[in-house]
Amino acid sequence: MKIDFIADTNFLIYLHEGNEIVKPFLNYNFGVSFISEVELLGFKKITKSQEIELKSLLNDTYLIDWNNKIKEKTIALRRKYSLKLPDAIIASTSIVYSTPLITADKAFSQVEELDVILIEF
C-alpha cells in the first residue's frame, strides 16, 4: 500500500473527534507510528467505547512498527533537536518512509530533515 503521509497523534485525535480540519486528508492513505497507537490507547481516562472506536480507526491505517532504521534516526534526531521521545519516533518514521508528516504540533517545524504539513486552526 502506498502511504501518502504519516499522521501525528493529534491528527488522529482530531479525526476521532470529527474535527473538520482533517477532512481534506481523508481521501488519502496514511501511516501511523506504533507510538501514536500507544499514546492513544494508553490514555489513562480512555473509556471502553473510545478504545473500540480508536482501535477501529487504527485498523483503517497502515500501522508502522519499530525497526532499526527508525531507531537509528530517532537517536540522531534526539541528539540534534532534543525532541521528546514520542515526537522523535514519529518524526523518524516520517523521514525513514520519505513521507510528509501531518501535525498540529509546531515543534516539528524545527526538524530540517522532515517534510511537515502543519494543520492550523
PDB file of N, CA and C in Angstrom:
ATOM      1  N   MET A   1       0.844  -1.180   0.000  1.00  0.00           N
ATOM      2  CA  MET A   1       0.000   0.000   0.000  1.00  0.00           C
ATOM      3  C   MET A   1       0.891   1.246   0.000  1.00  0.00           C
ATOM      4  N   LYS A   2       0.589   2.195  -0.847  1.00  0.00           N
ATOM      5  CA  LYS A   2       1.316   3.458  -0.882  1.00  0.00           C
ATOM      6  C   LYS A   2       0.800   4.351   0.252  1.00  0.00           C
ATOM      7  N   ILE A   3       1.739   4.915   1.000  1.00  0.00           N
ATOM      8  CA  ILE A   3       1.374   5.827   2.085  1.00  0.00           C
ATOM      9  C   ILE A   3       1.575   7.258   1.594  1.00  0.00           C
ATOM     10  N   ASP A   4       0.548   8.071   1.728  1.00  0.00           N
ATOM     11  CA  ASP A   4       0.630   9.458   1.283  1.00  0.00           C
ATOM     12  C   ASP A   4       1.204  10.383   2.352  1.00  0.00           C
ATOM     13  N   PHE A   5       0.982  10.043   3.614  1.00  0.00           N
ATOM     14  CA  PHE A   5       1.545  10.823   4.714  1.00  0.00           C
ATOM     15  C   PHE A   5       1.516   9.998   5.998  1.00  0.00           C
ATOM     16  N   ILE A   6       2.258  10.489   6.985  1.00  0.00           N
ATOM     17  CA  ILE A   6       2.227   9.923   8.331  1.00  0.00           C
ATOM     18  C   ILE A   6       1.352  10.851   9.165  1.00  0.00           C
ATOM     19  N   ALA A   7       0.432  10.286   9.903  1.00  0.00           N
ATOM     20  CA  ALA A   7      -0.459  11.073  10.755  1.00  0.00           C
ATOM     21  C   ALA A   7       0.121  11.136  12.170  1.00  0.00           C
ATOM     22  N   ASP A   8       0.280  12.354  12.678  1.00  0.00           N
ATOM     23  CA  ASP A   8       0.702  12.537  14.060  1.00  0.00           C
ATOM     24  C   ASP A   8      -0.475  12.171  14.970  1.00  0.00           C
ATOM     25  N   THR A   9      -0.169  11.966  16.237  1.00  0.00           N
ATOM     26  CA  THR A   9      -1.212  11.587  17.200  1.00  0.00           C
ATOM     27  C   THR A   9      -2.323  12.625  17.254  1.00  0.00           C
ATOM     28  N   ASN A  10      -1.978  13.911  17.202  1.00  0.00           N
ATOM     29  CA  ASN A  10      -3.031  14.935  17.280  1.00  0.00           C
ATOM     30  C   ASN A  10      -3.962  14.879  16.065  1.00  0.00           C
ATOM     31  N   PHE A  11      -3.434  14.512  14.904  1.00  0.00           N
ATOM     32  CA  PHE A  11      -4.279  14.329  13.719  1.00  0.00           C
ATOM     33  C   PHE A  11      -5.315  13.241  13.995  1.00  0.00           C
ATOM     34  N   LEU A  12      -4.869  12.141  14.597  1.00  0.00           N
ATOM     35  CA  LEU A  12      -5.775  11.027  14.899  1.00  0.00           C
ATOM     36  C   LEU A  12      -6.830  11.425  15.927  1.00  0.00           C
ATOM     37  N   ILE A  13      -6.446  12.247  16.873  1.00  0.00           N
ATOM     38  CA  ILE A  13      -7.413  12.738  17.867  1.00  0.00           C
ATOM     39  C   ILE A  13      -8.461  13.606  17.173  1.00  0.00           C
ATOM     40  N   TYR A  14      -8.023  14.502  16.293  1.00  0.00           N
ATOM     41  CA  TYR A  14      -8.968  15.339  15.555  1.00  0.00           C
ATOM     42  C   TYR A  14      -9.899  14.478  14.703  1.00  0.00           C
ATOM     43  N   LEU A  15      -9.344  13.464  14.082  1.00  0.00           N
ATOM     44  CA  LEU A  15     -10.144  12.558  13.258  1.00  0.00           C
ATOM     45  C   LEU A  15     -11.189  11.853  14.119  1.00  0.00           C
ATOM     46  N   HIS A  16     -10.761  11.354  15.250  1.00  0.00           N
ATOM     47  CA  HIS A  16     -11.662  10.662  16.175  1.00  0.00           C
ATOM     48  C   HIS A  16     -12.789  11.585  16.655  1.00  0.00           C
ATOM     49  N   GLU A  17     -12.453  12.850  16.875  1.00  0.00           N
ATOM     50  CA  GLU A  17     -13.441  13.822  17.368  1.00  0.00           C
ATOM     51  C   GLU A  17     -14.325  14.382  16.261  1.00  0.00           C
ATOM     52  N   GLY A  18     -14.032  14.037  15.000  1.00  0.00           N
ATOM     53  CA  GLY A  18     -14.824  14.535  13.884  1.00  0.00           C
ATOM     54  C   GLY A  18     -14.509  15.971  13.512  1.00  0.00           C
ATOM     55  N   ASN A  19     -13.314  16.436  13.846  1.00  0.00           N
ATOM     56  CA  ASN A  19     -12.917  17.811  13.552  1.00  0.00           C
ATOM     57  C   ASN A  19     -12.809  18.012  12.040  1.00  0.00           C
ATOM     58  N   GLU A  20     -13.433  19.066  11.559  1.00  0.00           N
ATOM     59  CA  GLU A  20     -13.478  19.357  10.121  1.00  0.00           C
ATOM     60  C   GLU A  20     -12.105  19.614   9.506  1.00  0.00           C
ATOM     61  N   ILE A  21     -11.136  20.037  10.313  1.00  0.00           N
ATOM     62  CA  ILE A  21      -9.832  20.423   9.786  1.00  0.00           C
ATOM     63  C   ILE A  21      -9.097  19.265   9.106  1.00  0.00           C
ATOM     64  N   VAL A  22      -9.431  18.024   9.478  1.00  0.00           N
ATOM     65  CA  VAL A  22      -8.734  16.874   8.884  1.00  0.00           C
ATOM     66  C   VAL A  22      -9.475  16.285   7.683  1.00  0.00           C
ATOM     67  N   LYS A  23     -10.677  16.748   7.425  1.00  0.00           N
ATOM     68  CA  LYS A  23     -11.475  16.186   6.323  1.00  0.00           C
ATOM     69  C   LYS A  23     -10.766  16.168   4.968  1.00  0.00           C
ATOM     70  N   PRO A  24     -10.026  17.222   4.588  1.00  0.00           N
ATOM     71  CA  PRO A  24      -9.368  17.190   3.273  1.00  0.00           C
ATOM     72  C   PRO A  24      -8.358  16.043   3.108  1.00  0.00           C
ATOM     73  N   PHE A  25      -7.905  15.486   4.209  1.00  0.00           N
ATOM     74  CA  PHE A  25      -6.879  14.444   4.149  1.00  0.00           C
ATOM     75  C   PHE A  25      -7.447  13.026   4.140  1.00  0.00           C
ATOM     76  N   LEU A  26      -8.741  12.896   4.277  1.00  0.00           N
ATOM     77  CA  LEU A  26      -9.342  11.568   4.442  1.00  0.00           C
ATOM     78  C   LEU A  26      -9.405  10.757   3.153  1.00  0.00           C
ATOM     79  N   ASN A  27      -9.151  11.379   2.020  1.00  0.00           N
ATOM     80  CA  ASN A  27      -9.151  10.647   0.751  1.00  0.00           C
ATOM     81  C   ASN A  27      -7.791  10.050   0.425  1.00  0.00           C
ATOM     82  N   TYR A  28      -6.864  10.125   1.370  1.00  0.00           N
ATOM     83  CA  TYR A  28      -5.508   9.631   1.162  1.00  0.00           C
ATOM     84  C   TYR A  28      -5.221   8.458   2.099  1.00  0.00           C
ATOM     85  N   ASN A  29      -4.221   7.659   1.715  1.00  0.00           N
ATOM     86  CA  ASN A  29      -3.764   6.565   2.581  1.00  0.00           C
ATOM     87  C   ASN A  29      -2.704   7.113   3.524  1.00  0.00           C
ATOM     88  N   PHE A  30      -2.866   6.833   4.811  1.00  0.00           N
ATOM     89  CA  PHE A  30      -1.857   7.344   5.731  1.00  0.00           C
ATOM     90  C   PHE A  30      -1.362   6.273   6.687  1.00  0.00           C
ATOM     91  N   GLY A  31      -0.129   6.495   7.104  1.00  0.00           N
ATOM     92  CA  GLY A  31       0.514   5.608   8.055  1.00  0.00           C
ATOM     93  C   GLY A  31       0.465   6.208   9.448  1.00  0.00           C
ATOM     94  N   VAL A  32       0.603   5.318  10.422  1.00  0.00           N
ATOM     95  CA  VAL A  32       0.597   5.720  11.819  1.00  0.00           C
ATOM     96  C   VAL A  32       1.736   4.988  12.512  1.00  0.00           C
ATOM     97  N   SER A  33       2.543   5.732  13.241  1.00  0.00           N
ATOM     98  CA  SER A  33       3.608   5.114  14.023  1.00  0.00           C
ATOM     99  C   SER A  33       3.006   4.331  15.189  1.00  0.00           C
ATOM    100  N   PHE A  34       3.668   3.254  15.543  1.00  0.00           N
ATOM    101  CA  PHE A  34       3.220   2.463  16.694  1.00  0.00           C
ATOM    102  C   PHE A  34       3.128   3.327  17.945  1.00  0.00           C
ATOM    103  N   ILE A  35       3.959   4.363  18.036  1.00  0.00           N
ATOM    104  CA  ILE A  35       3.962   5.204  19.234  1.00  0.00           C
ATOM    105  C   ILE A  35       2.663   6.007  19.339  1.00  0.00           C
ATOM    106  N   SER A  36       2.072   6.362  18.210  1.00  0.00           N
ATOM    107  CA  SER A  36       0.766   7.040  18.249  1.00  0.00           C
ATOM    108  C   SER A  36      -0.307   6.089  18.765  1.00  0.00           C
ATOM    109  N   GLU A  37      -0.218   4.829  18.356  1.00  0.00           N
ATOM    110  CA  GLU A  37      -1.152   3.823  18.872  1.00  0.00           C
ATOM    111  C   GLU A  37      -1.012   3.716  20.391  1.00  0.00           C
ATOM    112  N   VAL A  38       0.219   3.688  20.876  1.00  0.00           N
ATOM    113  CA  VAL A  38       0.465   3.606  22.319  1.00  0.00           C
ATOM    114  C   VAL A  38      -0.069   4.843  23.031  1.00  0.00           C
ATOM    115  N   GLU A  39       0.179   6.024  22.438  1.00  0.00           N
ATOM    116  CA  GLU A  39      -0.304   7.261  23.058  1.00  0.00           C
ATOM    117  C   GLU A  39      -1.827   7.288  23.127  1.00  0.00           C
ATOM    118  N   LEU A  40      -2.495   6.901  22.047  1.00  0.00           N
ATOM    119  CA  LEU A  40      -3.959   6.929  22.013  1.00  0.00           C
ATOM    120  C   LEU A  40      -4.585   5.915  22.962  1.00  0.00           C
ATOM    121  N   LEU A  41      -4.135   4.675  22.856  1.00  0.00           N
ATOM    122  CA  LEU A  41      -4.765   3.607  23.639  1.00  0.00           C
ATOM    123  C   LEU A  41      -4.264   3.553  25.078  1.00  0.00           C
ATOM    124  N   GLY A  42      -3.147   4.224  25.359  1.00  0.00           N
ATOM    125  CA  GLY A  42      -2.596   4.231  26.707  1.00  0.00           C
ATOM    126  C   GLY A  42      -3.080   5.381  27.562  1.00  0.00           C
ATOM    127  N   PHE A  43      -3.980   6.193  27.017  1.00  0.00           N
ATOM    128  CA  PHE A  43      -4.539   7.321  27.774  1.00  0.00           C
ATOM    129  C   PHE A  43      -5.286   6.787  28.987  1.00  0.00           C
ATOM    130  N   LYS A  44      -4.928   7.278  30.171  1.00  0.00           N
ATOM    131  CA  LYS A  44      -5.451   6.749  31.424  1.00  0.00           C
ATOM    132  C   LYS A  44      -6.980   6.789  31.536  1.00  0.00           C
ATOM    133  N   LYS A  45      -7.603   7.842  31.019  1.00  0.00           N
ATOM    134  CA  LYS A  45      -9.049   8.014  31.191  1.00  0.00           C
ATOM    135  C   LYS A  45      -9.871   7.524  29.996  1.00  0.00           C
ATOM    136  N   ILE A  46      -9.274   6.697  29.149  1.00  0.00           N
ATOM    137  CA  ILE A  46      -9.989   6.202  27.974  1.00  0.00           C
ATOM    138  C   ILE A  46     -11.147   5.299  28.406  1.00  0.00           C
ATOM    139  N   THR A  47     -12.302   5.491  27.780  1.00  0.00           N
ATOM    140  CA  THR A  47     -13.445   4.622  28.079  1.00  0.00           C
ATOM    141  C   THR A  47     -13.395   3.414  27.145  1.00  0.00           C
ATOM    142  N   LYS A  48     -14.155   2.410  27.464  1.00  0.00           N
ATOM    143  CA  LYS A  48     -14.187   1.202  26.627  1.00  0.00           C
ATOM    144  C   LYS A  48     -14.701   1.533  25.223  1.00  0.00           C
ATOM    145  N   SER A  49     -15.727   2.370  25.134  1.00  0.00           N
ATOM    146  CA  SER A  49     -16.260   2.718  23.812  1.00  0.00           C
ATOM    147  C   SER A  49     -15.240   3.536  23.010  1.00  0.00           C
ATOM    148  N   GLN A  50     -14.501   4.431  23.664  1.00  0.00           N
ATOM    149  CA  GLN A  50     -13.447   5.175  22.968  1.00  0.00           C
ATOM    150  C   GLN A  50     -12.352   4.229  22.478  1.00  0.00           C
ATOM    151  N   GLU A  51     -11.990   3.266  23.302  1.00  0.00           N
ATOM    152  CA  GLU A  51     -10.971   2.293  22.919  1.00  0.00           C
ATOM    153  C   GLU A  51     -11.407   1.513  21.677  1.00  0.00           C
ATOM    154  N   ILE A  52     -12.652   1.083  21.646  1.00  0.00           N
ATOM    155  CA  ILE A  52     -13.172   0.342  20.494  1.00  0.00           C
ATOM    156  C   ILE A  52     -13.144   1.220  19.244  1.00  0.00           C
ATOM    157  N   GLU A  53     -13.591   2.473  19.378  1.00  0.00           N
ATOM    158  CA  GLU A  53     -13.593   3.410  18.241  1.00  0.00           C
ATOM    159  C   GLU A  53     -12.176   3.663  17.734  1.00  0.00           C
ATOM    160  N   LEU A  54     -11.231   3.880  18.663  1.00  0.00           N
ATOM    161  CA  LEU A  54      -9.854   4.169  18.267  1.00  0.00           C
ATOM    162  C   LEU A  54      -9.189   2.960  17.609  1.00  0.00           C
ATOM    163  N   LYS A  55      -9.473   1.760  18.129  1.00  0.00           N
ATOM    164  CA  LYS A  55      -8.923   0.547  17.503  1.00  0.00           C
ATOM    165  C   LYS A  55      -9.473   0.380  16.093  1.00  0.00           C
ATOM    166  N   SER A  56     -10.733   0.707  15.898  1.00  0.00           N
ATOM    167  CA  SER A  56     -11.337   0.643  14.571  1.00  0.00           C
ATOM    168  C   SER A  56     -10.669   1.648  13.639  1.00  0.00           C
ATOM    169  N   LEU A  57     -10.447   2.852  14.129  1.00  0.00           N
ATOM    170  CA  LEU A  57      -9.768   3.881  13.350  1.00  0.00           C
ATOM    171  C   LEU A  57      -8.364   3.415  12.961  1.00  0.00           C
ATOM    172  N   LEU A  58      -7.629   2.859  13.911  1.00  0.00           N
ATOM    173  CA  LEU A  58      -6.265   2.395  13.652  1.00  0.00           C
ATOM    174  C   LEU A  58      -6.235   1.225  12.672  1.00  0.00           C
ATOM    175  N   ASN A  59      -7.274   0.402  12.695  1.00  0.00           N
ATOM    176  CA  ASN A  59      -7.344  -0.727  11.760  1.00  0.00           C
ATOM    177  C   ASN A  59      -7.466  -0.269  10.306  1.00  0.00           C
ATOM    178  N   ASP A  60      -7.910   0.969  10.101  1.00  0.00           N
ATOM    179  CA  ASP A  60      -8.053   1.512   8.754  1.00  0.00           C
ATOM    180  C   ASP A  60      -6.797   2.236   8.269  1.00  0.00           C
ATOM    181  N   THR A  61      -5.728   2.173   9.052  1.00  0.00           N
ATOM    182  CA  THR A  61      -4.480   2.838   8.685  1.00  0.00           C
ATOM    183  C   THR A  61      -3.386   1.804   8.462  1.00  0.00           C
ATOM    184  N   TYR A  62      -2.261   2.277   7.967  1.00  0.00           N
ATOM    185  CA  TYR A  62      -1.086   1.428   7.824  1.00  0.00           C
ATOM    186  C   TYR A  62      -0.238   1.655   9.068  1.00  0.00           C
ATOM    187  N   LEU A  63      -0.230   0.687   9.976  1.00  0.00           N
ATOM    188  CA  LEU A  63       0.487   0.815  11.240  1.00  0.00           C
ATOM    189  C   LEU A  63       1.952   0.453  11.037  1.00  0.00           C
ATOM    190  N   ILE A  64       2.838   1.349  11.423  1.00  0.00           N
ATOM    191  CA  ILE A  64       4.270   1.172  11.213  1.00  0.00           C
ATOM    192  C   ILE A  64       4.939   0.839  12.538  1.00  0.00           C
ATOM    193  N   ASP A  65       5.540  -0.336  12.590  1.00  0.00           N
ATOM    194  CA  ASP A  65       6.210  -0.794  13.803  1.00  0.00           C
ATOM    195  C   ASP A  65       7.642  -0.277  13.892  1.00  0.00           C
ATOM    196  N   TRP A  66       8.199  -0.394  15.057  1.00  0.00           N
ATOM    197  CA  TRP A  66       9.580  -0.034  15.369  1.00  0.00           C
ATOM    198  C   TRP A  66      10.518  -0.911  14.549  1.00  0.00           C
ATOM    199  N   ASN A  67      11.554  -0.313  13.992  1.00  0.00           N
ATOM    200  CA  ASN A  67      12.574  -1.094  13.300  1.00  0.00           C
ATOM    201  C   ASN A  67      13.921  -0.403  13.461  1.00  0.00           C
ATOM    202  N   ASN A  68      14.983  -1.014  12.976  1.00  0.00           N
ATOM    203  CA  ASN A  68      16.329  -0.475  13.182  1.00  0.00           C
ATOM    204  C   ASN A  68      16.537   0.877  12.509  1.00  0.00           C
ATOM    205  N   LYS A  69      15.991   1.071  11.312  1.00  0.00           N
ATOM    206  CA  LYS A  69      16.159   2.358  10.628  1.00  0.00           C
ATOM    207  C   LYS A  69      15.490   3.480  11.419  1.00  0.00           C
ATOM    208  N   ILE A  70      14.288   3.211  11.906  1.00  0.00           N
ATOM    209  CA  ILE A  70      13.583   4.216  12.702  1.00  0.00           C
ATOM    210  C   ILE A  70      14.334   4.457  14.013  1.00  0.00           C
ATOM    211  N   LYS A  71      14.843   3.406  14.611  1.00  0.00           N
ATOM    212  CA  LYS A  71      15.595   3.536  15.864  1.00  0.00           C
ATOM    213  C   LYS A  71      16.823   4.422  15.669  1.00  0.00           C
ATOM    214  N   GLU A  72      17.601   4.160  14.630  1.00  0.00           N
ATOM    215  CA  GLU A  72      18.812   4.944  14.383  1.00  0.00           C
ATOM    216  C   GLU A  72      18.481   6.407  14.103  1.00  0.00           C
ATOM    217  N   LYS A  73      17.448   6.658  13.314  1.00  0.00           N
ATOM    218  CA  LYS A  73      17.041   8.040  13.009  1.00  0.00           C
ATOM    219  C   LYS A  73      16.514   8.726  14.267  1.00  0.00           C
ATOM    220  N   THR A  74      15.804   7.993  15.120  1.00  0.00           N
ATOM    221  CA  THR A  74      15.295   8.548  16.377  1.00  0.00           C
ATOM    222  C   THR A  74      16.439   9.015  17.258  1.00  0.00           C
ATOM    223  N   ILE A  75      17.458   8.206  17.374  1.00  0.00           N
ATOM    224  CA  ILE A  75      18.630   8.568  18.182  1.00  0.00           C
ATOM    225  C   ILE A  75      19.260   9.851  17.633  1.00  0.00           C
ATOM    226  N   ALA A  76      19.438   9.906  16.318  1.00  0.00           N
ATOM    227  CA  ALA A  76      20.051  11.081  15.695  1.00  0.00           C
ATOM    228  C   ALA A  76      19.212  12.336  15.923  1.00  0.00           C
ATOM    229  N   LEU A  77      17.891  12.223  15.783  1.00  0.00           N
ATOM    230  CA  LEU A  77      17.016  13.385  15.967  1.00  0.00           C
ATOM    231  C   LEU A  77      17.003  13.852  17.419  1.00  0.00           C
ATOM    232  N   ARG A  78      17.009  12.907  18.343  1.00  0.00           N
ATOM    233  CA  ARG A  78      17.023  13.281  19.767  1.00  0.00           C
ATOM    234  C   ARG A  78      18.303  14.037  20.104  1.00  0.00           C
ATOM    235  N   ARG A  79      19.406  13.581  19.563  1.00  0.00           N
ATOM    236  CA  ARG A  79      20.680  14.257  19.817  1.00  0.00           C
ATOM    237  C   ARG A  79      20.695  15.658  19.207  1.00  0.00           C
ATOM    238  N   LYS A  80      20.179  15.775  18.005  1.00  0.00           N
ATOM    239  CA  LYS A  80      20.256  17.044  17.272  1.00  0.00           C
ATOM    240  C   LYS A  80      19.229  18.075  17.750  1.00  0.00           C
ATOM    241  N   TYR A  81      18.005  17.624  18.063  1.00  0.00           N
ATOM    242  CA  TYR A  81      16.916  18.560  18.347  1.00  0.00           C
ATOM    243  C   TYR A  81      16.337  18.480  19.759  1.00  0.00           C
ATOM    244  N   SER A  82      16.773  17.533  20.572  1.00  0.00           N
ATOM    245  CA  SER A  82      16.236  17.362  21.931  1.00  0.00           C
ATOM    246  C   SER A  82      14.713  17.177  21.938  1.00  0.00           C
ATOM    247  N   LEU A  83      14.206  16.458  20.950  1.00  0.00           N
ATOM    248  CA  LEU A  83      12.765  16.176  20.887  1.00  0.00           C
ATOM    249  C   LEU A  83      12.362  15.196  21.981  1.00  0.00           C
ATOM    250  N   LYS A  84      11.097  15.278  22.391  1.00  0.00           N
ATOM    251  CA  LYS A  84      10.554  14.255  23.277  1.00  0.00           C
ATOM    252  C   LYS A  84      10.585  12.932  22.515  1.00  0.00           C
ATOM    253  N   LEU A  85      10.758  11.842  23.230  1.00  0.00           N
ATOM    254  CA  LEU A  85      10.914  10.536  22.588  1.00  0.00           C
ATOM    255  C   LEU A  85       9.764  10.202  21.634  1.00  0.00           C
ATOM    256  N   PRO A  86       8.495  10.349  22.035  1.00  0.00           N
ATOM    257  CA  PRO A  86       7.417  10.025  21.079  1.00  0.00           C
ATOM    258  C   PRO A  86       7.491  10.873  19.806  1.00  0.00           C
ATOM    259  N   ASP A  87       7.791  12.163  19.956  1.00  0.00           N
ATOM    260  CA  ASP A  87       7.891  13.038  18.782  1.00  0.00           C
ATOM    261  C   ASP A  87       9.058  12.630  17.892  1.00  0.00           C
ATOM    262  N   ALA A  88      10.182  12.265  18.499  1.00  0.00           N
ATOM    263  CA  ALA A  88      11.345  11.828  17.721  1.00  0.00           C
ATOM    264  C   ALA A  88      11.029  10.553  16.947  1.00  0.00           C
ATOM    265  N   ILE A  89      10.284   9.645  17.556  1.00  0.00           N
ATOM    266  CA  ILE A  89       9.912   8.394  16.876  1.00  0.00           C
ATOM    267  C   ILE A  89       8.984   8.696  15.692  1.00  0.00           C
ATOM    268  N   ILE A  90       8.007   9.559  15.903  1.00  0.00           N
ATOM    269  CA  ILE A  90       7.061   9.902  14.826  1.00  0.00           C
ATOM    270  C   ILE A  90       7.787  10.624  13.695  1.00  0.00           C
ATOM    271  N   ALA A  91       8.640  11.582  14.029  1.00  0.00           N
ATOM    272  CA  ALA A  91       9.406  12.293  13.001  1.00  0.00           C
ATOM    273  C   ALA A  91      10.314  11.320  12.249  1.00  0.00           C
ATOM    274  N   SER A  92      10.968  10.431  12.958  1.00  0.00           N
ATOM    275  CA  SER A  92      11.852   9.447  12.333  1.00  0.00           C
ATOM    276  C   SER A  92      11.094   8.540  11.384  1.00  0.00           C
ATOM    277  N   THR A  93       9.917   8.152  11.778  1.00  0.00           N
ATOM    278  CA  THR A  93       9.085   7.296  10.931  1.00  0.00           C
ATOM    279  C   THR A  93       8.789   8.003   9.615  1.00  0.00           C
ATOM    280  N   SER A  94       8.426   9.264   9.708  1.00  0.00           N
ATOM    281  CA  SER A  94       8.132  10.045   8.508  1.00  0.00           C
ATOM    282  C   SER A  94       9.371  10.183   7.620  1.00  0.00           C
ATOM    283  N   ILE A  95      10.505  10.436   8.217  1.00  0.00           N
ATOM    284  CA  ILE A  95      11.746  10.597   7.455  1.00  0.00           C
ATOM    285  C   ILE A  95      12.158   9.279   6.806  1.00  0.00           C
ATOM    286  N   VAL A  96      12.133   8.196   7.561  1.00  0.00           N
ATOM    287  CA  VAL A  96      12.535   6.889   7.037  1.00  0.00           C
ATOM    288  C   VAL A  96      11.632   6.460   5.880  1.00  0.00           C
ATOM    289  N   TYR A  97      10.354   6.764   5.964  1.00  0.00           N
ATOM    290  CA  TYR A  97       9.405   6.395   4.911  1.00  0.00           C
ATOM    291  C   TYR A  97       9.312   7.457   3.808  1.00  0.00           C
ATOM    292  N   SER A  98      10.131   8.501   3.915  1.00  0.00           N
ATOM    293  CA  SER A  98      10.149   9.584   2.913  1.00  0.00           C
ATOM    294  C   SER A  98       8.742  10.091   2.607  1.00  0.00           C
ATOM    295  N   THR A  99       8.008  10.332   3.675  1.00  0.00           N
ATOM    296  CA  THR A  99       6.600  10.703   3.583  1.00  0.00           C
ATOM    297  C   THR A  99       6.327  11.899   4.483  1.00  0.00           C
ATOM    298  N   PRO A 100       5.541  12.869   4.041  1.00  0.00           N
ATOM    299  CA  PRO A 100       5.243  14.034   4.892  1.00  0.00           C
ATOM    300  C   PRO A 100       4.543  13.635   6.193  1.00  0.00           C
ATOM    301  N   LEU A 101       4.760  14.443   7.209  1.00  0.00           N
ATOM    302  CA  LEU A 101       4.078  14.288   8.487  1.00  0.00           C
ATOM    303  C   LEU A 101       3.010  15.365   8.578  1.00  0.00           C
ATOM    304  N   ILE A 102       1.792  14.968   8.884  1.00  0.00           N
ATOM    305  CA  ILE A 102       0.718  15.935   9.100  1.00  0.00           C
ATOM    306  C   ILE A 102       0.475  16.033  10.600  1.00  0.00           C
ATOM    307  N   THR A 103       0.582  17.271  11.100  1.00  0.00           N
ATOM    308  CA  THR A 103       0.505  17.507  12.533  1.00  0.00           C
ATOM    309  C   THR A 103       0.019  18.924  12.815  1.00  0.00           C
ATOM    310  N   ALA A 104      -0.427  19.140  14.039  1.00  0.00           N
ATOM    311  CA  ALA A 104      -0.748  20.487  14.514  1.00  0.00           C
ATOM    312  C   ALA A 104       0.344  20.977  15.468  1.00  0.00           C
ATOM    313  N   ASP A 105       1.354  20.163  15.686  1.00  0.00           N
ATOM    314  CA  ASP A 105       2.433  20.464  16.625  1.00  0.00           C
ATOM    315  C   ASP A 105       3.558  21.218  15.915  1.00  0.00           C
ATOM    316  N   LYS A 106       3.676  22.503  16.219  1.00  0.00           N
ATOM    317  CA  LYS A 106       4.678  23.354  15.572  1.00  0.00           C
ATOM    318  C   LYS A 106       6.113  22.964  15.935  1.00  0.00           C
ATOM    319  N   ALA A 107       6.297  22.201  16.997  1.00  0.00           N
ATOM    320  CA  ALA A 107       7.645  21.778  17.399  1.00  0.00           C
ATOM    321  C   ALA A 107       8.330  20.969  16.303  1.00  0.00           C
ATOM    322  N   PHE A 108       7.533  20.297  15.477  1.00  0.00           N
ATOM    323  CA  PHE A 108       8.123  19.503  14.392  1.00  0.00           C
ATOM    324  C   PHE A 108       8.765  20.387  13.317  1.00  0.00           C
ATOM    325  N   SER A 109       8.393  21.653  13.260  1.00  0.00           N
ATOM    326  CA  SER A 109       8.925  22.558  12.239  1.00  0.00           C
ATOM    327  C   SER A 109      10.431  22.775  12.365  1.00  0.00           C
ATOM    328  N   GLN A 110      10.977  22.560  13.546  1.00  0.00           N
ATOM    329  CA  GLN A 110      12.410  22.745  13.754  1.00  0.00           C
ATOM    330  C   GLN A 110      13.253  21.645  13.105  1.00  0.00           C
ATOM    331  N   VAL A 111      12.637  20.520  12.778  1.00  0.00           N
ATOM    332  CA  VAL A 111      13.372  19.374  12.234  1.00  0.00           C
ATOM    333  C   VAL A 111      13.572  19.579  10.733  1.00  0.00           C
ATOM    334  N   GLU A 112      14.774  19.989  10.371  1.00  0.00           N
ATOM    335  CA  GLU A 112      15.086  20.350   8.984  1.00  0.00           C
ATOM    336  C   GLU A 112      14.871  19.200   8.003  1.00  0.00           C
ATOM    337  N   GLU A 113      15.143  17.984   8.424  1.00  0.00           N
ATOM    338  CA  GLU A 113      15.052  16.817   7.543  1.00  0.00           C
ATOM    339  C   GLU A 113      13.613  16.379   7.277  1.00  0.00           C
ATOM    340  N   LEU A 114      12.680  16.945   8.001  1.00  0.00           N
ATOM    341  CA  LEU A 114      11.289  16.492   7.996  1.00  0.00           C
ATOM    342  C   LEU A 114      10.419  17.347   7.076  1.00  0.00           C
ATOM    343  N   ASP A 115       9.604  16.684   6.271  1.00  0.00           N
ATOM    344  CA  ASP A 115       8.600  17.349   5.435  1.00  0.00           C
ATOM    345  C   ASP A 115       7.331  17.441   6.272  1.00  0.00           C
ATOM    346  N   VAL A 116       7.065  18.634   6.823  1.00  0.00           N
ATOM    347  CA  VAL A 116       5.941  18.830   7.742  1.00  0.00           C
ATOM    348  C   VAL A 116       4.821  19.580   7.045  1.00  0.00           C
ATOM    349  N   ILE A 117       3.605  19.081   7.225  1.00  0.00           N
ATOM    350  CA  ILE A 117       2.408  19.801   6.806  1.00  0.00           C
ATOM    351  C   ILE A 117       1.662  20.156   8.090  1.00  0.00           C
ATOM    352  N   LEU A 118       1.680  21.464   8.426  1.00  0.00           N
ATOM    353  CA  LEU A 118       1.030  21.912   9.658  1.00  0.00           C
ATOM    354  C   LEU A 118      -0.447  22.191   9.407  1.00  0.00           C
ATOM    355  N   ILE A 119      -1.274  21.614  10.246  1.00  0.00           N
ATOM    356  CA  ILE A 119      -2.694  21.950  10.209  1.00  0.00           C
ATOM    357  C   ILE A 119      -2.915  22.979  11.313  1.00  0.00           C
ATOM    358  N   GLU A 120      -3.544  24.070  10.948  1.00  0.00           N
ATOM    359  CA  GLU A 120      -3.727  25.155  11.888  1.00  0.00           C
ATOM    360  C   GLU A 120      -5.184  25.580  11.921  1.00  0.00           C
ATOM    361  N   PHE A 121      -5.589  26.037  13.085  1.00  0.00           N
ATOM    362  CA  PHE A 121      -6.961  26.494  13.272  1.00  0.00           C
ATOM    363  C   PHE A 121      -7.071  27.966  13.011  1.00  0.00           C
TER     364      PHE A 121
END
